[in-house]
């Protein structure tokens, strides 16, 4: 393996909701592993090294999905973390909801281990029996194949519905799009999760690169994943917010991505930024290193209030049949 960035060793840990699992306050999102939707400026080896670097810098929560690269992300994550102590979360593709047992077995084979957190990736189509789906996943907990059950991209009403379908287990988490410029989850969902000790996980905490600061004065390079932004409430940063982030970055000696990640942590939400190479992985873990005063978070809150309106919507319309959705998504993620 190539020389990787040295570990910083300063990451903080906390309990993951009601599960008892101890997790790092910053996780790792594996969407980019094993696929080209994020561009062609990295390889599978880069992705593996990024995962290893993240773990060696203290990150112990890793998220993936069977839909990412048709299982390749799971395989790369499993190979990279083999023999390492980590909490691994993966997701059932909504279009495979009628074959959930096979999906669980396939994910276990890809990862090379049982699953700590198994999430339903999005609210499946109207043609899916949701009660049967969640009862089947419950049986896999009883069988020791998975430890905990979560959901992803479930608005509040559907989260409550999923919980009501459970007989023995509880929904322990909901993973949604959340960042400085995607704050809809605060309107209803965040308060509900806090009251019920349900973990809120933030995917795309850097808004697909918009909050890295690299493209404040230029257009972001095209990638397939970024082209989907318009379907997932894509935003453009306001000039006052850009100016404030730049100013705070300079005055505090903290990177803009670190500000964006720490802002999410300050809300009690778990950010899972991705990384295409070891340097990005180390930078993500180092977001917890620097001191950032509460006034900075208050300033970000105030200048991003325009993004905290409305409520969380369904990621994918439920009228789309599973077969059609599988064809479309297999070509995009």
C-alpha atoms as a PDB file:
ATOM      1  CA  UNK A   1       0.000   0.000   0.000  1.00  0.00           C
ATOM      2  CA  UNK A   2       1.137   3.542  -0.687  1.00  0.00           C
ATOM      3  CA  UNK A   3       2.271   5.847   2.107  1.00  0.00           C
ATOM      4  CA  UNK A   4      -0.846   7.358   3.677  1.00  0.00           C
ATOM      5  CA  UNK A   5      -1.284  10.573   5.692  1.00  0.00           C
ATOM      6  CA  UNK A   6      -0.357  10.113   9.347  1.00  0.00           C
ATOM      7  CA  UNK A   7      -3.166   9.788  11.878  1.00  0.00           C
ATOM      8  CA  UNK A   8      -4.175  12.839  13.887  1.00  0.00           C
ATOM      9  CA  UNK A   9      -5.794  10.853  16.732  1.00  0.00           C
ATOM     10  CA  UNK A  10      -8.078  13.635  17.956  1.00  0.00           C
ATOM     11  CA  UNK A  11     -11.503  12.445  16.821  1.00  0.00           C
ATOM     12  CA  UNK A  12     -14.280  12.405  19.412  1.00  0.00           C
ATOM     13  CA  UNK A  13     -16.823   9.630  19.978  1.00  0.00           C
ATOM     14  CA  UNK A  14     -20.383   9.336  21.221  1.00  0.00           C
ATOM     15  CA  UNK A  15     -23.224   6.841  21.505  1.00  0.00           C
ATOM     16  CA  UNK A  16     -25.226   6.188  18.346  1.00  0.00           C
ATOM     17  CA  UNK A  17     -28.800   6.996  19.371  1.00  0.00           C
ATOM     18  CA  UNK A  18     -30.409   4.255  21.437  1.00  0.00           C
ATOM     19  CA  UNK A  19     -28.139   1.455  20.150  1.00  0.00           C
ATOM     20  CA  UNK A  20     -25.206   1.559  22.545  1.00  0.00           C
ATOM     21  CA  UNK A  21     -22.778   1.587  19.598  1.00  0.00           C
ATOM     22  CA  UNK A  22     -19.845   3.954  20.081  1.00  0.00           C
ATOM     23  CA  UNK A  23     -19.219   5.956  16.915  1.00  0.00           C
ATOM     24  CA  UNK A  24     -16.965   8.780  15.783  1.00  0.00           C
ATOM     25  CA  UNK A  25     -18.701  12.159  15.556  1.00  0.00           C
ATOM     26  CA  UNK A  26     -17.785  12.224  11.856  1.00  0.00           C
ATOM     27  CA  UNK A  27     -18.450   9.195   9.661  1.00  0.00           C
ATOM     28  CA  UNK A  28     -17.463   8.143   6.154  1.00  0.00           C
ATOM     29  CA  UNK A  29     -19.798   8.012   3.162  1.00  0.00           C
ATOM     30  CA  UNK A  30     -18.913   5.341   0.591  1.00  0.00           C
ATOM     31  CA  UNK A  31     -21.061   6.494  -2.341  1.00  0.00           C
ATOM     32  CA  UNK A  32     -18.013   7.234  -4.501  1.00  0.00           C
ATOM     33  CA  UNK A  33     -16.280   3.877  -4.010  1.00  0.00           C
ATOM     34  CA  UNK A  34     -16.348   1.508  -6.969  1.00  0.00           C
ATOM     35  CA  UNK A  35     -18.112   3.805  -9.392  1.00  0.00           C
ATOM     36  CA  UNK A  36     -17.432   6.692 -11.785  1.00  0.00           C
ATOM     37  CA  UNK A  37     -20.450   8.919 -11.110  1.00  0.00           C
ATOM     38  CA  UNK A  38     -18.169  11.214  -9.080  1.00  0.00           C
ATOM     39  CA  UNK A  39     -15.711  11.716 -11.932  1.00  0.00           C
ATOM     40  CA  UNK A  40     -12.640   9.967 -13.294  1.00  0.00           C
ATOM     41  CA  UNK A  41      -9.986  11.622 -11.134  1.00  0.00           C
ATOM     42  CA  UNK A  42      -9.606   8.666  -8.758  1.00  0.00           C
ATOM     43  CA  UNK A  43      -9.278   4.872  -8.826  1.00  0.00           C
ATOM     44  CA  UNK A  44     -10.559   1.978  -6.736  1.00  0.00           C
ATOM     45  CA  UNK A  45      -7.146   1.943  -5.064  1.00  0.00           C
ATOM     46  CA  UNK A  46      -7.585   5.603  -4.121  1.00  0.00           C
ATOM     47  CA  UNK A  47     -10.982   4.747  -2.640  1.00  0.00           C
ATOM     48  CA  UNK A  48      -9.498   1.874  -0.617  1.00  0.00           C
ATOM     49  CA  UNK A  49      -6.675   4.058   0.671  1.00  0.00           C
ATOM     50  CA  UNK A  50      -9.198   6.764   1.607  1.00  0.00           C
ATOM     51  CA  UNK A  51     -11.175   4.259   3.698  1.00  0.00           C
ATOM     52  CA  UNK A  52      -8.043   2.978   5.438  1.00  0.00           C
ATOM     53  CA  UNK A  53      -6.831   6.530   6.111  1.00  0.00           C
ATOM     54  CA  UNK A  54     -10.215   7.496   7.550  1.00  0.00           C
ATOM     55  CA  UNK A  55     -10.111   4.514   9.911  1.00  0.00           C
ATOM     56  CA  UNK A  56      -6.524   5.183  10.964  1.00  0.00           C
ATOM     57  CA  UNK A  57      -7.511   8.774  11.733  1.00  0.00           C
ATOM     58  CA  UNK A  58     -10.241   7.623  14.102  1.00  0.00           C
ATOM     59  CA  UNK A  59     -13.358   7.374  11.940  1.00  0.00           C
ATOM     60  CA  UNK A  60     -15.196   4.161  12.785  1.00  0.00           C
ATOM     61  CA  UNK A  61     -18.638   4.644  11.158  1.00  0.00           C
ATOM     62  CA  UNK A  62     -18.765   3.724   7.476  1.00  0.00           C
ATOM     63  CA  UNK A  63     -21.828   3.923   5.259  1.00  0.00           C
ATOM     64  CA  UNK A  64     -22.437   2.266   1.900  1.00  0.00           C
ATOM     65  CA  UNK A  65     -25.324   0.762  -0.106  1.00  0.00           C
ATOM     66  CA  UNK A  66     -26.012  -2.171  -2.395  1.00  0.00           C
ATOM     67  CA  UNK A  67     -26.973   0.320  -5.126  1.00  0.00           C
ATOM     68  CA  UNK A  68     -23.569   2.057  -5.116  1.00  0.00           C
ATOM     69  CA  UNK A  69     -21.703   0.613  -8.066  1.00  0.00           C
ATOM     70  CA  UNK A  70     -24.033  -2.415  -8.015  1.00  0.00           C
ATOM     71  CA  UNK A  71     -22.408  -3.670  -4.812  1.00  0.00           C
ATOM     72  CA  UNK A  72     -18.832  -2.650  -5.643  1.00  0.00           C
ATOM     73  CA  UNK A  73     -18.812   0.008  -2.915  1.00  0.00           C
ATOM     74  CA  UNK A  74     -19.733  -2.664  -0.353  1.00  0.00           C
ATOM     75  CA  UNK A  75     -16.951  -4.933  -1.623  1.00  0.00           C
ATOM     76  CA  UNK A  76     -14.294  -2.196  -1.494  1.00  0.00           C
ATOM     77  CA  UNK A  77     -15.409  -1.146   1.979  1.00  0.00           C
ATOM     78  CA  UNK A  78     -15.422  -4.730   3.241  1.00  0.00           C
ATOM     79  CA  UNK A  79     -11.966  -5.473   1.826  1.00  0.00           C
ATOM     80  CA  UNK A  80     -10.505  -2.233   3.195  1.00  0.00           C
ATOM     81  CA  UNK A  81     -11.886  -2.753   6.703  1.00  0.00           C
ATOM     82  CA  UNK A  82     -11.198  -6.477   6.967  1.00  0.00           C
ATOM     83  CA  UNK A  83      -9.926  -7.230  10.464  1.00  0.00           C
ATOM     84  CA  UNK A  84     -10.578  -3.658  11.621  1.00  0.00           C
ATOM     85  CA  UNK A  85     -13.013  -2.618  14.346  1.00  0.00           C
ATOM     86  CA  UNK A  86     -15.699  -0.532  12.628  1.00  0.00           C
ATOM     87  CA  UNK A  87     -19.440   0.090  12.544  1.00  0.00           C
ATOM     88  CA  UNK A  88     -20.683  -0.640   9.027  1.00  0.00           C
ATOM     89  CA  UNK A  89     -24.011   0.538   7.662  1.00  0.00           C
ATOM     90  CA  UNK A  90     -25.445  -0.414   4.307  1.00  0.00           C
ATOM     91  CA  UNK A  91     -28.769   0.056   2.531  1.00  0.00           C
ATOM     92  CA  UNK A  92     -31.423  -1.960   0.750  1.00  0.00           C
ATOM     93  CA  UNK A  93     -32.256  -0.521  -2.673  1.00  0.00           C
ATOM     94  CA  UNK A  94     -35.979   0.248  -2.774  1.00  0.00           C
ATOM     95  CA  UNK A  95     -36.343  -1.626  -6.040  1.00  0.00           C
ATOM     96  CA  UNK A  96     -35.144  -4.833  -4.330  1.00  0.00           C
ATOM     97  CA  UNK A  97     -37.717  -4.613  -1.545  1.00  0.00           C
ATOM     98  CA  UNK A  98     -39.489  -7.785  -2.673  1.00  0.00           C
ATOM     99  CA  UNK A  99     -36.244  -9.759  -2.382  1.00  0.00           C
ATOM    100  CA  UNK A 100     -34.891  -8.349   0.865  1.00  0.00           C
ATOM    101  CA  UNK A 101     -33.528 -11.683   2.162  1.00  0.00           C
ATOM    102  CA  UNK A 102     -31.388 -12.094  -0.964  1.00  0.00           C
ATOM    103  CA  UNK A 103     -30.209  -8.480  -0.689  1.00  0.00           C
ATOM    104  CA  UNK A 104     -29.136  -8.967   2.915  1.00  0.00           C
ATOM    105  CA  UNK A 105     -27.232 -12.154   2.058  1.00  0.00           C
ATOM    106  CA  UNK A 106     -25.562 -10.427  -0.910  1.00  0.00           C
ATOM    107  CA  UNK A 107     -24.515  -7.439   1.210  1.00  0.00           C
ATOM    108  CA  UNK A 108     -23.067  -9.770   3.862  1.00  0.00           C
ATOM    109  CA  UNK A 109     -21.030 -11.536   1.175  1.00  0.00           C
ATOM    110  CA  UNK A 110     -19.851  -8.221  -0.278  1.00  0.00           C
ATOM    111  CA  UNK A 111     -18.848  -6.845   3.125  1.00  0.00           C
ATOM    112  CA  UNK A 112     -17.411 -10.113   4.438  1.00  0.00           C
ATOM    113  CA  UNK A 113     -19.228  -9.668   7.742  1.00  0.00           C
ATOM    114  CA  UNK A 114     -22.637  -9.172   9.320  1.00  0.00           C
ATOM    115  CA  UNK A 115     -24.281  -5.756   9.162  1.00  0.00           C
ATOM    116  CA  UNK A 116     -24.358  -3.293  12.075  1.00  0.00           C
ATOM    117  CA  UNK A 117     -27.010  -1.006  10.590  1.00  0.00           C
ATOM    118  CA  UNK A 118     -29.320  -2.020   7.736  1.00  0.00           C
ATOM    119  CA  UNK A 119     -31.232   0.863   6.176  1.00  0.00           C
ATOM    120  CA  UNK A 120     -34.038   1.012   3.619  1.00  0.00           C
ATOM    121  CA  UNK A 121     -32.493   3.415   1.091  1.00  0.00           C
ATOM    122  CA  UNK A 122     -35.681   5.276   0.173  1.00  0.00           C
ATOM    123  CA  UNK A 123     -39.433   4.845   0.554  1.00  0.00           C
ATOM    124  CA  UNK A 124     -40.223   2.017  -1.914  1.00  0.00           C
ATOM    125  CA  UNK A 125     -42.942   2.197  -4.566  1.00  0.00           C
ATOM    126  CA  UNK A 126     -46.668   1.842  -3.971  1.00  0.00           C
ATOM    127  CA  UNK A 127     -46.338  -1.744  -5.211  1.00  0.00           C
ATOM    128  CA  UNK A 128     -44.324  -2.711  -2.117  1.00  0.00           C
ATOM    129  CA  UNK A 129     -45.903  -4.207   0.998  1.00  0.00           C
ATOM    130  CA  UNK A 130     -44.081  -2.054   3.577  1.00  0.00           C
ATOM    131  CA  UNK A 131     -45.359  -4.027   6.551  1.00  0.00           C
ATOM    132  CA  UNK A 132     -44.017  -7.268   5.099  1.00  0.00           C
ATOM    133  CA  UNK A 133     -40.727  -5.552   4.191  1.00  0.00           C
ATOM    134  CA  UNK A 134     -39.981  -4.334   7.706  1.00  0.00           C
ATOM    135  CA  UNK A 135     -41.143  -7.573   9.336  1.00  0.00           C
ATOM    136  CA  UNK A 136     -38.746  -9.476   7.073  1.00  0.00           C
ATOM    137  CA  UNK A 137     -35.868  -7.197   8.075  1.00  0.00           C
ATOM    138  CA  UNK A 138     -36.826  -7.756  11.724  1.00  0.00           C
ATOM    139  CA  UNK A 139     -36.446 -11.491  11.201  1.00  0.00           C
ATOM    140  CA  UNK A 140     -32.887 -10.908   9.980  1.00  0.00           C
ATOM    141  CA  UNK A 141     -32.099  -9.194  13.286  1.00  0.00           C
ATOM    142  CA  UNK A 142     -33.414 -12.263  15.122  1.00  0.00           C
ATOM    143  CA  UNK A 143     -31.258 -14.446  12.855  1.00  0.00           C
ATOM    144  CA  UNK A 144     -28.142 -12.428  13.748  1.00  0.00           C
ATOM    145  CA  UNK A 145     -27.512 -11.178  10.204  1.00  0.00           C
ATOM    146  CA  UNK A 146     -28.033  -7.522  11.074  1.00  0.00           C
ATOM    147  CA  UNK A 147     -27.841  -5.708  14.390  1.00  0.00           C
ATOM    148  CA  UNK A 148     -29.998  -2.596  13.944  1.00  0.00           C
ATOM    149  CA  UNK A 149     -32.578  -1.243  11.493  1.00  0.00           C
ATOM    150  CA  UNK A 150     -32.656   2.243  10.000  1.00  0.00           C
ATOM    151  CA  UNK A 151     -34.178   4.099   7.084  1.00  0.00           C
ATOM    152  CA  UNK A 152     -32.896   6.658   4.612  1.00  0.00           C
ATOM    153  CA  UNK A 153     -34.674   9.551   2.904  1.00  0.00           C
ATOM    154  CA  UNK A 154     -37.853   8.890   4.907  1.00  0.00           C
ATOM    155  CA  UNK A 155     -39.906  12.041   5.641  1.00  0.00           C
ATOM    156  CA  UNK A 156     -41.466  12.143   9.107  1.00  0.00           C
ATOM    157  CA  UNK A 157     -44.796  10.525   8.204  1.00  0.00           C
ATOM    158  CA  UNK A 158     -43.097   7.554   6.572  1.00  0.00           C
ATOM    159  CA  UNK A 159     -40.618   7.217   9.434  1.00  0.00           C
ATOM    160  CA  UNK A 160     -43.516   6.937  11.869  1.00  0.00           C
ATOM    161  CA  UNK A 161     -45.227   4.442   9.543  1.00  0.00           C
ATOM    162  CA  UNK A 162     -42.097   2.279   9.408  1.00  0.00           C
ATOM    163  CA  UNK A 163     -41.856   2.266  13.191  1.00  0.00           C
ATOM    164  CA  UNK A 164     -45.508   1.251  13.490  1.00  0.00           C
ATOM    165  CA  UNK A 165     -44.857  -1.748  11.223  1.00  0.00           C
ATOM    166  CA  UNK A 166     -42.244  -3.104  13.638  1.00  0.00           C
ATOM    167  CA  UNK A 167     -43.163  -5.875  16.049  1.00  0.00           C
ATOM    168  CA  UNK A 168     -40.008  -6.264  18.138  1.00  0.00           C
ATOM    169  CA  UNK A 169     -37.328  -3.858  16.892  1.00  0.00           C
ATOM    170  CA  UNK A 170     -37.124  -0.090  16.610  1.00  0.00           C
ATOM    171  CA  UNK A 171     -36.034   2.229  13.824  1.00  0.00           C
ATOM    172  CA  UNK A 172     -32.770   3.648  15.161  1.00  0.00           C
ATOM    173  CA  UNK A 173     -31.826   6.127  12.411  1.00  0.00           C
ATOM    174  CA  UNK A 174     -32.920   8.117   9.379  1.00  0.00           C
ATOM    175  CA  UNK A 175     -30.314   9.196   6.835  1.00  0.00           C
ATOM    176  CA  UNK A 176     -31.275  12.321   4.875  1.00  0.00           C
ATOM    177  CA  UNK A 177     -29.730  15.052   2.805  1.00  0.00           C
ATOM    178  CA  UNK A 178     -28.557  17.707   5.260  1.00  0.00           C
ATOM    179  CA  UNK A 179     -25.994  20.471   5.043  1.00  0.00           C
ATOM    180  CA  UNK A 180     -25.717  24.216   5.563  1.00  0.00           C
ATOM    181  CA  UNK A 181     -27.743  24.667   2.370  1.00  0.00           C
ATOM    182  CA  UNK A 182     -30.144  21.727   2.881  1.00  0.00           C
ATOM    183  CA  UNK A 183     -31.832  22.290   6.233  1.00  0.00           C
ATOM    184  CA  UNK A 184     -35.383  21.068   5.547  1.00  0.00           C
ATOM    185  CA  UNK A 185     -34.936  18.222   8.034  1.00  0.00           C
ATOM    186  CA  UNK A 186     -34.945  20.781  10.854  1.00  0.00           C
ATOM    187  CA  UNK A 187     -38.588  21.728  10.276  1.00  0.00           C
ATOM    188  CA  UNK A 188     -40.143  18.520  11.642  1.00  0.00           C
ATOM    189  CA  UNK A 189     -37.832  15.556  11.428  1.00  0.00           C
ATOM    190  CA  UNK A 190     -34.926  16.691  13.615  1.00  0.00           C
ATOM    191  CA  UNK A 191     -37.109  17.524  16.608  1.00  0.00           C
ATOM    192  CA  UNK A 192     -38.947  14.206  16.331  1.00  0.00           C
ATOM    193  CA  UNK A 193     -35.678  12.291  16.150  1.00  0.00           C
ATOM    194  CA  UNK A 194     -34.308  14.088  19.178  1.00  0.00           C
ATOM    195  CA  UNK A 195     -37.418  13.297  21.217  1.00  0.00           C
ATOM    196  CA  UNK A 196     -37.308   9.633  20.249  1.00  0.00           C
ATOM    197  CA  UNK A 197     -33.509   9.144  20.329  1.00  0.00           C
ATOM    198  CA  UNK A 198     -33.450   8.331  16.627  1.00  0.00           C
ATOM    199  CA  UNK A 199     -30.115   9.127  15.026  1.00  0.00           C
ATOM    200  CA  UNK A 200     -30.167  11.587  12.120  1.00  0.00           C
ATOM    201  CA  UNK A 201     -27.401  10.926   9.583  1.00  0.00           C
ATOM    202  CA  UNK A 202     -26.452  13.596   7.040  1.00  0.00           C
ATOM    203  CA  UNK A 203     -25.553  12.483   3.533  1.00  0.00           C
ATOM    204  CA  UNK A 204     -23.836  14.973   1.233  1.00  0.00           C
ATOM    205  CA  UNK A 205     -22.809  17.238   4.156  1.00  0.00           C
ATOM    206  CA  UNK A 206     -20.592  19.237   1.776  1.00  0.00           C
ATOM    207  CA  UNK A 207     -23.437  19.615  -0.755  1.00  0.00           C
ATOM    208  CA  UNK A 208     -21.643  17.521  -3.402  1.00  0.00           C
ATOM    209  CA  UNK A 209     -18.591  19.769  -3.240  1.00  0.00           C
ATOM    210  CA  UNK A 210     -20.391  23.106  -3.109  1.00  0.00           C
ATOM    211  CA  UNK A 211     -19.212  23.596   0.499  1.00  0.00           C
ATOM    212  CA  UNK A 212     -15.580  22.677  -0.069  1.00  0.00           C
ATOM    213  CA  UNK A 213     -14.837  26.291  -1.003  1.00  0.00           C
ATOM    214  CA  UNK A 214     -12.930  25.184  -4.091  1.00  0.00           C
ATOM    215  CA  UNK A 215     -15.664  26.333  -6.430  1.00  0.00           C
ATOM    216  CA  UNK A 216     -16.804  29.553  -4.760  1.00  0.00           C
ATOM    217  CA  UNK A 217     -15.458  31.541  -7.698  1.00  0.00           C
ATOM    218  CA  UNK A 218     -15.742  28.966 -10.471  1.00  0.00           C
ATOM    219  CA  UNK A 219     -18.096  26.354 -11.861  1.00  0.00           C
ATOM    220  CA  UNK A 220     -17.899  22.872 -10.358  1.00  0.00           C
ATOM    221  CA  UNK A 221     -16.694  20.197 -12.794  1.00  0.00           C
ATOM    222  CA  UNK A 222     -19.478  18.069 -14.244  1.00  0.00           C
ATOM    223  CA  UNK A 223     -20.077  14.619 -12.774  1.00  0.00           C
ATOM    224  CA  UNK A 224     -23.140  12.429 -13.056  1.00  0.00           C
ATOM    225  CA  UNK A 225     -23.799  12.649  -9.322  1.00  0.00           C
ATOM    226  CA  UNK A 226     -23.729  16.435  -9.399  1.00  0.00           C
ATOM    227  CA  UNK A 227     -26.040  16.504 -12.400  1.00  0.00           C
ATOM    228  CA  UNK A 228     -28.631  14.817 -10.160  1.00  0.00           C
ATOM    229  CA  UNK A 229     -28.509  17.791  -7.779  1.00  0.00           C
ATOM    230  CA  UNK A 230     -31.616  19.350  -9.312  1.00  0.00           C
ATOM    231  CA  UNK A 231     -33.530  16.214  -8.336  1.00  0.00           C
ATOM    232  CA  UNK A 232     -32.392  16.415  -4.721  1.00  0.00           C
ATOM    233  CA  UNK A 233     -32.990  20.068  -3.851  1.00  0.00           C
ATOM    234  CA  UNK A 234     -29.711  21.440  -5.171  1.00  0.00           C
ATOM    235  CA  UNK A 235     -28.782  24.922  -3.937  1.00  0.00           C
ATOM    236  CA  UNK A 236     -26.379  27.700  -4.736  1.00  0.00           C
ATOM    237  CA  UNK A 237     -24.711  29.485  -1.832  1.00  0.00           C
ATOM    238  CA  UNK A 238     -25.701  33.080  -1.301  1.00  0.00           C
ATOM    239  CA  UNK A 239     -22.934  35.659  -1.528  1.00  0.00           C
ATOM    240  CA  UNK A 240     -23.309  36.734   2.143  1.00  0.00           C
ATOM    241  CA  UNK A 241     -22.944  33.104   3.253  1.00  0.00           C
ATOM    242  CA  UNK A 242     -19.912  32.552   1.020  1.00  0.00           C
ATOM    243  CA  UNK A 243     -18.312  35.709   2.407  1.00  0.00           C
ATOM    244  CA  UNK A 244     -18.959  34.688   5.997  1.00  0.00           C
ATOM    245  CA  UNK A 245     -17.538  31.187   5.512  1.00  0.00           C
ATOM    246  CA  UNK A 246     -14.406  32.642   3.903  1.00  0.00           C
ATOM    247  CA  UNK A 247     -14.009  35.201   6.682  1.00  0.00           C
ATOM    248  CA  UNK A 248     -14.427  32.633   9.477  1.00  0.00           C
ATOM    249  CA  UNK A 249     -12.100  30.206   7.724  1.00  0.00           C
ATOM    250  CA  UNK A 250      -9.325  32.799   7.663  1.00  0.00           C
ATOM    251  CA  UNK A 251      -9.880  34.228  11.153  1.00  0.00           C
ATOM    252  CA  UNK A 252     -10.120  30.816  12.847  1.00  0.00           C
ATOM    253  CA  UNK A 253      -7.529  29.056  10.694  1.00  0.00           C
ATOM    254  CA  UNK A 254     -10.075  26.359   9.835  1.00  0.00           C
ATOM    255  CA  UNK A 255     -10.954  25.036   6.386  1.00  0.00           C
ATOM    256  CA  UNK A 256     -14.392  25.721   4.909  1.00  0.00           C
ATOM    257  CA  UNK A 257     -15.205  21.976   4.748  1.00  0.00           C
ATOM    258  CA  UNK A 258     -14.343  21.725   8.452  1.00  0.00           C
ATOM    259  CA  UNK A 259     -16.766  24.574   9.214  1.00  0.00           C
ATOM    260  CA  UNK A 260     -19.495  22.828   7.217  1.00  0.00           C
ATOM    261  CA  UNK A 261     -18.909  19.468   8.916  1.00  0.00           C
ATOM    262  CA  UNK A 262     -18.652  20.911  12.427  1.00  0.00           C
ATOM    263  CA  UNK A 263     -21.852  22.916  11.900  1.00  0.00           C
ATOM    264  CA  UNK A 264     -23.691  19.612  11.381  1.00  0.00           C
ATOM    265  CA  UNK A 265     -22.007  18.025  14.411  1.00  0.00           C
ATOM    266  CA  UNK A 266     -23.138  21.024  16.502  1.00  0.00           C
ATOM    267  CA  UNK A 267     -26.752  20.068  15.682  1.00  0.00           C
ATOM    268  CA  UNK A 268     -26.242  16.565  17.085  1.00  0.00           C
ATOM    269  CA  UNK A 269     -26.371  15.086  13.567  1.00  0.00           C
ATOM    270  CA  UNK A 270     -23.854  12.586  12.171  1.00  0.00           C
ATOM    271  CA  UNK A 271     -22.199  13.849   8.950  1.00  0.00           C
ATOM    272  CA  UNK A 272     -20.825  11.217   6.566  1.00  0.00           C
ATOM    273  CA  UNK A 273     -18.671  13.091   4.025  1.00  0.00           C
ATOM    274  CA  UNK A 274     -17.164  11.016   1.256  1.00  0.00           C
ATOM    275  CA  UNK A 275     -13.527  10.974   0.207  1.00  0.00           C
ATOM    276  CA  UNK A 276     -11.963  10.031  -3.115  1.00  0.00           C
ATOM    277  CA  UNK A 277      -8.395   9.935  -1.808  1.00  0.00           C
ATOM    278  CA  UNK A 278      -6.441   9.704   1.470  1.00  0.00           C
ATOM    279  CA  UNK A 279      -5.899  13.468   1.751  1.00  0.00           C
ATOM    280  CA  UNK A 280      -9.632  14.189   1.643  1.00  0.00           C
ATOM    281  CA  UNK A 281     -10.226  11.436   4.203  1.00  0.00           C
ATOM    282  CA  UNK A 282      -7.734  12.949   6.624  1.00  0.00           C
ATOM    283  CA  UNK A 283      -9.141  16.449   6.125  1.00  0.00           C
ATOM    284  CA  UNK A 284     -12.622  15.164   6.973  1.00  0.00           C
ATOM    285  CA  UNK A 285     -11.400  13.545  10.180  1.00  0.00           C
ATOM    286  CA  UNK A 286      -9.502  16.697  11.162  1.00  0.00           C
ATOM    287  CA  UNK A 287     -12.716  18.732  11.117  1.00  0.00           C
ATOM    288  CA  UNK A 288     -12.994  17.982  14.854  1.00  0.00           C
ATOM    289  CA  UNK A 289      -9.493  19.219  15.695  1.00  0.00           C
ATOM    290  CA  UNK A 290      -9.890  22.990  15.731  1.00  0.00           C
ATOM    291  CA  UNK A 291     -11.758  25.201  18.177  1.00  0.00           C
ATOM    292  CA  UNK A 292     -14.824  26.827  16.621  1.00  0.00           C
ATOM    293  CA  UNK A 293     -16.870  29.177  18.859  1.00  0.00           C
ATOM    294  CA  UNK A 294     -20.655  28.941  19.138  1.00  0.00           C
ATOM    295  CA  UNK A 295     -20.932  32.438  17.654  1.00  0.00           C
ATOM    296  CA  UNK A 296     -19.608  31.083  14.367  1.00  0.00           C
ATOM    297  CA  UNK A 297     -22.342  28.447  14.214  1.00  0.00           C
ATOM    298  CA  UNK A 298     -24.921  31.104  15.108  1.00  0.00           C
ATOM    299  CA  UNK A 299     -23.677  33.231  12.221  1.00  0.00           C
ATOM    300  CA  UNK A 300     -23.961  30.314   9.817  1.00  0.00           C
ATOM    301  CA  UNK A 301     -27.442  29.594  11.162  1.00  0.00           C
ATOM    302  CA  UNK A 302     -28.567  33.141  10.514  1.00  0.00           C
ATOM    303  CA  UNK A 303     -27.117  33.423   7.010  1.00  0.00           C
ATOM    304  CA  UNK A 304     -28.455  30.024   5.908  1.00  0.00           C
ATOM    305  CA  UNK A 305     -31.968  30.412   7.283  1.00  0.00           C
ATOM    306  CA  UNK A 306     -33.365  30.644   3.746  1.00  0.00           C
ATOM    307  CA  UNK A 307     -32.423  26.962   3.316  1.00  0.00           C
ATOM    308  CA  UNK A 308     -34.399  25.897   6.415  1.00  0.00           C
ATOM    309  CA  UNK A 309     -37.850  26.220   4.852  1.00  0.00           C
ATOM    310  CA  UNK A 310     -40.395  23.686   3.693  1.00  0.00           C
ATOM    311  CA  UNK A 311     -40.208  20.078   4.771  1.00  0.00           C
ATOM    312  CA  UNK A 312     -38.391  16.955   3.698  1.00  0.00           C
ATOM    313  CA  UNK A 313     -39.847  15.460   0.524  1.00  0.00           C
ATOM    314  CA  UNK A 314     -39.732  11.970  -0.941  1.00  0.00           C
ATOM    315  CA  UNK A 315     -36.454  11.344  -2.758  1.00  0.00           C
ATOM    316  CA  UNK A 316     -38.145   9.258  -5.468  1.00  0.00           C
ATOM    317  CA  UNK A 317     -41.835   9.345  -6.497  1.00  0.00           C
ATOM    318  CA  UNK A 318     -43.542   6.188  -5.249  1.00  0.00           C
ATOM    319  CA  UNK A 319     -45.508   5.761  -8.483  1.00  0.00           C
ATOM    320  CA  UNK A 320     -42.389   4.557 -10.340  1.00  0.00           C
ATOM    321  CA  UNK A 321     -42.439   0.731 -10.612  1.00  0.00           C
ATOM    322  CA  UNK A 322     -39.459  -1.032  -9.034  1.00  0.00           C
ATOM    323  CA  UNK A 323     -38.362  -2.678 -12.296  1.00  0.00           C
ATOM    324  CA  UNK A 324     -38.211   0.626 -14.167  1.00  0.00           C
ATOM    325  CA  UNK A 325     -36.458   2.334 -11.274  1.00  0.00           C
ATOM    326  CA  UNK A 326     -33.801  -0.386 -11.134  1.00  0.00           C
ATOM    327  CA  UNK A 327     -32.981   0.123 -14.828  1.00  0.00           C
ATOM    328  CA  UNK A 328     -32.680   3.884 -14.443  1.00  0.00           C
ATOM    329  CA  UNK A 329     -30.681   3.883 -11.207  1.00  0.00           C
ATOM    330  CA  UNK A 330     -28.286   1.131 -12.243  1.00  0.00           C
ATOM    331  CA  UNK A 331     -27.053   3.571 -14.898  1.00  0.00           C
ATOM    332  CA  UNK A 332     -26.695   6.538 -12.570  1.00  0.00           C
ATOM    333  CA  UNK A 333     -25.441   5.414  -9.129  1.00  0.00           C
END
